[in-house]
Amino acid sequence: MDFARTVLGIPVPRVHAWSSESNEVGADFIIREKAPGMRLDHVWSQATQFEDREWLFSVSEHINSVNQKFLNNPLSSYGIIFYKKDIGTLPHEPLWPDGRQDKASEEFVIGPMMSEDFWRGERGTMNVDRGPCKWLVSALYEWL
């Protein structure tokens, strides 16, 4: 979320605190700012009047502009964006495919996929590559 807000300029809430390890709460948590506005799924089905549909069209254009910011800033690999200071010994790749050094590349790197599906049960004990995956990104941009 911080990458999207600070590097791409996408208006996402700030995260105040988070934990993915054992803690006093006894569960993973994220505490973030409340996002302004209303949930899109609450208003989408109620858009029956022409004016509402025009508003929904503008929302669709905004969603497209957010997607465009990601497409205009391709990353070096398929994986999760980590703070460089938090990656530890996990495998990682630089942020940008061209290797440029800027404020973002000093703060962020691409690390492995962290989805629970990749790590739970027997999969967690398997010695498999969970990323970051460079070839998938190049294949995706060739397809686009």
C-alpha atoms as a PDB file:
ATOM      1  CA  MET A   1       0.000   0.000   0.000  1.00  0.00           C
ATOM      2  CA  ASP A   2       2.845   2.358   0.797  1.00  0.00           C
ATOM      3  CA  PHE A   3       4.414   1.684  -2.617  1.00  0.00           C
ATOM      4  CA  ALA A   4       1.115   2.440  -4.375  1.00  0.00           C
ATOM      5  CA  ARG A   5       0.652   5.677  -2.419  1.00  0.00           C
ATOM      6  CA  THR A   6       4.206   7.061  -2.359  1.00  0.00           C
ATOM      7  CA  VAL A   7       5.604   5.846  -5.690  1.00  0.00           C
ATOM      8  CA  LEU A   8       2.569   5.611  -7.971  1.00  0.00           C
ATOM      9  CA  GLY A   9       0.481   8.369  -6.382  1.00  0.00           C
ATOM     10  CA  ILE A  10      -2.579   6.161  -5.856  1.00  0.00           C
ATOM     11  CA  PRO A  11      -4.778   7.363  -2.982  1.00  0.00           C
ATOM     12  CA  VAL A  12      -4.652   4.383  -0.627  1.00  0.00           C
ATOM     13  CA  PRO A  13      -4.934   4.525   3.178  1.00  0.00           C
ATOM     14  CA  ARG A  14      -1.826   4.709   5.347  1.00  0.00           C
ATOM     15  CA  VAL A  15      -1.018   1.654   7.465  1.00  0.00           C
ATOM     16  CA  HIS A  16      -0.431   2.617  11.094  1.00  0.00           C
ATOM     17  CA  ALA A  17       0.503  -0.823  12.463  1.00  0.00           C
ATOM     18  CA  TRP A  18       0.589  -4.438  11.342  1.00  0.00           C
ATOM     19  CA  SER A  19       1.810  -7.832  12.441  1.00  0.00           C
ATOM     20  CA  SER A  20       2.066 -11.161  10.672  1.00  0.00           C
ATOM     21  CA  GLU A  21       3.848 -12.924  13.529  1.00  0.00           C
ATOM     22  CA  SER A  22       2.831 -14.034  16.996  1.00  0.00           C
ATOM     23  CA  ASN A  23       1.861 -11.066  19.135  1.00  0.00           C
ATOM     24  CA  GLU A  24      -0.266 -10.091  22.138  1.00  0.00           C
ATOM     25  CA  VAL A  25      -3.395 -10.037  19.973  1.00  0.00           C
ATOM     26  CA  GLY A  26      -2.871 -13.662  18.967  1.00  0.00           C
ATOM     27  CA  ALA A  27      -3.682 -12.996  15.311  1.00  0.00           C
ATOM     28  CA  ASP A  28      -2.366 -11.273  12.203  1.00  0.00           C
ATOM     29  CA  PHE A  29      -3.645  -7.709  11.933  1.00  0.00           C
ATOM     30  CA  ILE A  30      -3.454  -4.476   9.954  1.00  0.00           C
ATOM     31  CA  ILE A  31      -4.544  -1.131  11.385  1.00  0.00           C
ATOM     32  CA  ARG A  32      -4.978   1.455   8.660  1.00  0.00           C
ATOM     33  CA  GLU A  33      -6.697   4.755   8.012  1.00  0.00           C
ATOM     34  CA  LYS A  34     -10.359   4.596   7.137  1.00  0.00           C
ATOM     35  CA  ALA A  35     -10.776   5.100   3.415  1.00  0.00           C
ATOM     36  CA  PRO A  36     -13.172   7.946   2.593  1.00  0.00           C
ATOM     37  CA  GLY A  37     -16.318   7.393   0.563  1.00  0.00           C
ATOM     38  CA  MET A  38     -18.525   4.364   0.195  1.00  0.00           C
ATOM     39  CA  ARG A  39     -17.903   0.813  -0.911  1.00  0.00           C
ATOM     40  CA  LEU A  40     -18.375   0.389  -4.624  1.00  0.00           C
ATOM     41  CA  ASP A  41     -20.282  -2.889  -4.248  1.00  0.00           C
ATOM     42  CA  HIS A  42     -22.890  -1.037  -2.148  1.00  0.00           C
ATOM     43  CA  VAL A  43     -23.703   1.482  -4.866  1.00  0.00           C
ATOM     44  CA  TRP A  44     -23.021  -0.451  -8.080  1.00  0.00           C
ATOM     45  CA  SER A  45     -26.220  -2.527  -7.996  1.00  0.00           C
ATOM     46  CA  GLN A  46     -28.326   0.525  -7.092  1.00  0.00           C
ATOM     47  CA  ALA A  47     -27.293   2.539 -10.138  1.00  0.00           C
ATOM     48  CA  THR A  48     -30.570   2.633 -12.016  1.00  0.00           C
ATOM     49  CA  GLN A  49     -30.853   6.230 -13.100  1.00  0.00           C
ATOM     50  CA  PHE A  50     -28.880   7.727 -15.963  1.00  0.00           C
ATOM     51  CA  GLU A  51     -27.026  10.098 -13.631  1.00  0.00           C
ATOM     52  CA  ASP A  52     -25.938   7.172 -11.462  1.00  0.00           C
ATOM     53  CA  ARG A  53     -24.641   5.334 -14.506  1.00  0.00           C
ATOM     54  CA  GLU A  54     -22.619   8.370 -15.537  1.00  0.00           C
ATOM     55  CA  TRP A  55     -21.116   8.421 -12.049  1.00  0.00           C
ATOM     56  CA  LEU A  56     -20.312   4.703 -12.277  1.00  0.00           C
ATOM     57  CA  PHE A  57     -18.689   5.288 -15.658  1.00  0.00           C
ATOM     58  CA  SER A  58     -16.411   7.899 -14.064  1.00  0.00           C
ATOM     59  CA  VAL A  59     -15.558   5.388 -11.325  1.00  0.00           C
ATOM     60  CA  SER A  60     -14.643   2.850 -14.012  1.00  0.00           C
ATOM     61  CA  GLU A  61     -12.377   5.424 -15.652  1.00  0.00           C
ATOM     62  CA  HIS A  62     -10.688   6.042 -12.290  1.00  0.00           C
ATOM     63  CA  ILE A  63     -10.119   2.299 -11.778  1.00  0.00           C
ATOM     64  CA  ASN A  64      -8.611   2.155 -15.265  1.00  0.00           C
ATOM     65  CA  SER A  65      -6.277   5.062 -14.448  1.00  0.00           C
ATOM     66  CA  VAL A  66      -5.035   3.196 -11.352  1.00  0.00           C
ATOM     67  CA  ASN A  67      -4.355   0.093 -13.457  1.00  0.00           C
ATOM     68  CA  GLN A  68      -2.555   2.258 -15.997  1.00  0.00           C
ATOM     69  CA  LYS A  69      -0.175   3.552 -13.304  1.00  0.00           C
ATOM     70  CA  PHE A  70       0.906  -0.022 -12.606  1.00  0.00           C
ATOM     71  CA  LEU A  71       1.273  -0.787 -16.321  1.00  0.00           C
ATOM     72  CA  ASN A  72       3.344   2.365 -16.857  1.00  0.00           C
ATOM     73  CA  ASN A  73       5.706   1.333 -14.044  1.00  0.00           C
ATOM     74  CA  PRO A  74       6.598  -2.302 -14.752  1.00  0.00           C
ATOM     75  CA  LEU A  75       8.346  -4.175 -11.977  1.00  0.00           C
ATOM     76  CA  SER A  76      11.338  -6.469 -12.412  1.00  0.00           C
ATOM     77  CA  SER A  77       9.613  -9.639 -11.207  1.00  0.00           C
ATOM     78  CA  TYR A  78       6.347 -11.263 -10.217  1.00  0.00           C
ATOM     79  CA  GLY A  79       6.156 -11.405  -6.435  1.00  0.00           C
ATOM     80  CA  ILE A  80       5.360  -9.272  -3.427  1.00  0.00           C
ATOM     81  CA  ILE A  81       6.678  -5.745  -2.897  1.00  0.00           C
ATOM     82  CA  PHE A  82       8.699  -5.710   0.334  1.00  0.00           C
ATOM     83  CA  TYR A  83      10.449  -2.953   2.195  1.00  0.00           C
ATOM     84  CA  LYS A  84      14.122  -3.622   1.552  1.00  0.00           C
ATOM     85  CA  LYS A  85      14.779  -3.400   5.304  1.00  0.00           C
ATOM     86  CA  ASP A  86      12.270  -6.233   5.974  1.00  0.00           C
ATOM     87  CA  ILE A  87      13.260  -8.781   3.307  1.00  0.00           C
ATOM     88  CA  GLY A  88      15.920 -10.452   5.443  1.00  0.00           C
ATOM     89  CA  THR A  89      17.302 -13.616   3.846  1.00  0.00           C
ATOM     90  CA  LEU A  90      14.332 -14.230   1.532  1.00  0.00           C
ATOM     91  CA  PRO A  91      15.189 -14.306  -2.180  1.00  0.00           C
ATOM     92  CA  HIS A  92      14.537 -10.952  -3.816  1.00  0.00           C
ATOM     93  CA  GLU A  93      15.054  -8.935  -6.967  1.00  0.00           C
ATOM     94  CA  PRO A  94      15.490  -5.203  -7.542  1.00  0.00           C
ATOM     95  CA  LEU A  95      12.323  -3.176  -7.989  1.00  0.00           C
ATOM     96  CA  TRP A  96      12.801  -1.953 -11.554  1.00  0.00           C
ATOM     97  CA  PRO A  97      13.649  -4.139 -14.583  1.00  0.00           C
ATOM     98  CA  ASP A  98      16.147  -1.584 -15.930  1.00  0.00           C
ATOM     99  CA  GLY A  99      18.059  -1.546 -12.623  1.00  0.00           C
ATOM    100  CA  ARG A 100      17.633   2.199 -12.149  1.00  0.00           C
ATOM    101  CA  GLN A 101      18.436   3.584  -8.735  1.00  0.00           C
ATOM    102  CA  ASP A 102      15.948   6.016  -7.269  1.00  0.00           C
ATOM    103  CA  LYS A 103      14.202   6.615  -3.955  1.00  0.00           C
ATOM    104  CA  ALA A 104      11.730   3.782  -4.621  1.00  0.00           C
ATOM    105  CA  SER A 105      14.456   1.251  -5.454  1.00  0.00           C
ATOM    106  CA  GLU A 106      16.303   2.209  -2.271  1.00  0.00           C
ATOM    107  CA  GLU A 107      13.201   1.448  -0.185  1.00  0.00           C
ATOM    108  CA  PHE A 108      11.464  -1.468  -1.968  1.00  0.00           C
ATOM    109  CA  VAL A 109      12.378  -4.837  -3.549  1.00  0.00           C
ATOM    110  CA  ILE A 110      10.377  -7.710  -5.059  1.00  0.00           C
ATOM    111  CA  GLY A 111      10.268 -10.823  -2.888  1.00  0.00           C
ATOM    112  CA  PRO A 112       8.568 -14.223  -3.072  1.00  0.00           C
ATOM    113  CA  MET A 113       4.837 -14.839  -3.132  1.00  0.00           C
ATOM    114  CA  MET A 114       3.488 -14.909   0.406  1.00  0.00           C
ATOM    115  CA  SER A 115       0.007 -16.288  -0.253  1.00  0.00           C
ATOM    116  CA  GLU A 116      -0.897 -18.908   2.314  1.00  0.00           C
ATOM    117  CA  ASP A 117      -1.555 -21.378  -0.519  1.00  0.00           C
ATOM    118  CA  PHE A 118       2.194 -21.416  -1.273  1.00  0.00           C
ATOM    119  CA  TRP A 119       3.243 -22.070   2.320  1.00  0.00           C
ATOM    120  CA  ARG A 120       0.658 -24.118   4.241  1.00  0.00           C
ATOM    121  CA  GLY A 121       0.581 -27.840   4.869  1.00  0.00           C
ATOM    122  CA  GLU A 122       3.003 -30.012   2.935  1.00  0.00           C
ATOM    123  CA  ARG A 123       3.707 -27.183   0.498  1.00  0.00           C
ATOM    124  CA  GLY A 124       5.436 -25.307   3.327  1.00  0.00           C
ATOM    125  CA  THR A 125       8.028 -28.057   3.655  1.00  0.00           C
ATOM    126  CA  MET A 126       8.708 -28.410  -0.079  1.00  0.00           C
ATOM    127  CA  ASN A 127      11.877 -26.937  -1.523  1.00  0.00           C
ATOM    128  CA  VAL A 128      10.247 -25.066  -4.420  1.00  0.00           C
ATOM    129  CA  ASP A 129      10.783 -21.680  -5.979  1.00  0.00           C
ATOM    130  CA  ARG A 130       8.126 -19.282  -4.662  1.00  0.00           C
ATOM    131  CA  GLY A 131       9.604 -16.346  -6.477  1.00  0.00           C
ATOM    132  CA  PRO A 132      10.242 -13.692  -7.250  1.00  0.00           C
ATOM    133  CA  CYS A 133       9.684 -14.827 -10.818  1.00  0.00           C
ATOM    134  CA  LYS A 134      11.385 -12.817 -13.582  1.00  0.00           C
ATOM    135  CA  TRP A 135      10.267 -14.795 -16.643  1.00  0.00           C
ATOM    136  CA  LEU A 136       6.560 -14.395 -15.815  1.00  0.00           C
ATOM    137  CA  VAL A 137       6.816 -10.603 -15.904  1.00  0.00           C
ATOM    138  CA  SER A 138       8.569 -10.549 -19.287  1.00  0.00           C
ATOM    139  CA  ALA A 139       5.991 -12.988 -20.692  1.00  0.00           C
ATOM    140  CA  LEU A 140       3.145 -10.825 -19.372  1.00  0.00           C
ATOM    141  CA  TYR A 141       4.506  -7.624 -20.943  1.00  0.00           C
ATOM    142  CA  GLU A 142       5.093  -9.397 -24.253  1.00  0.00           C
ATOM    143  CA  TRP A 143       1.445 -10.497 -24.172  1.00  0.00           C
ATOM    144  CA  LEU A 144       0.195  -6.988 -23.385  1.00  0.00           C
END
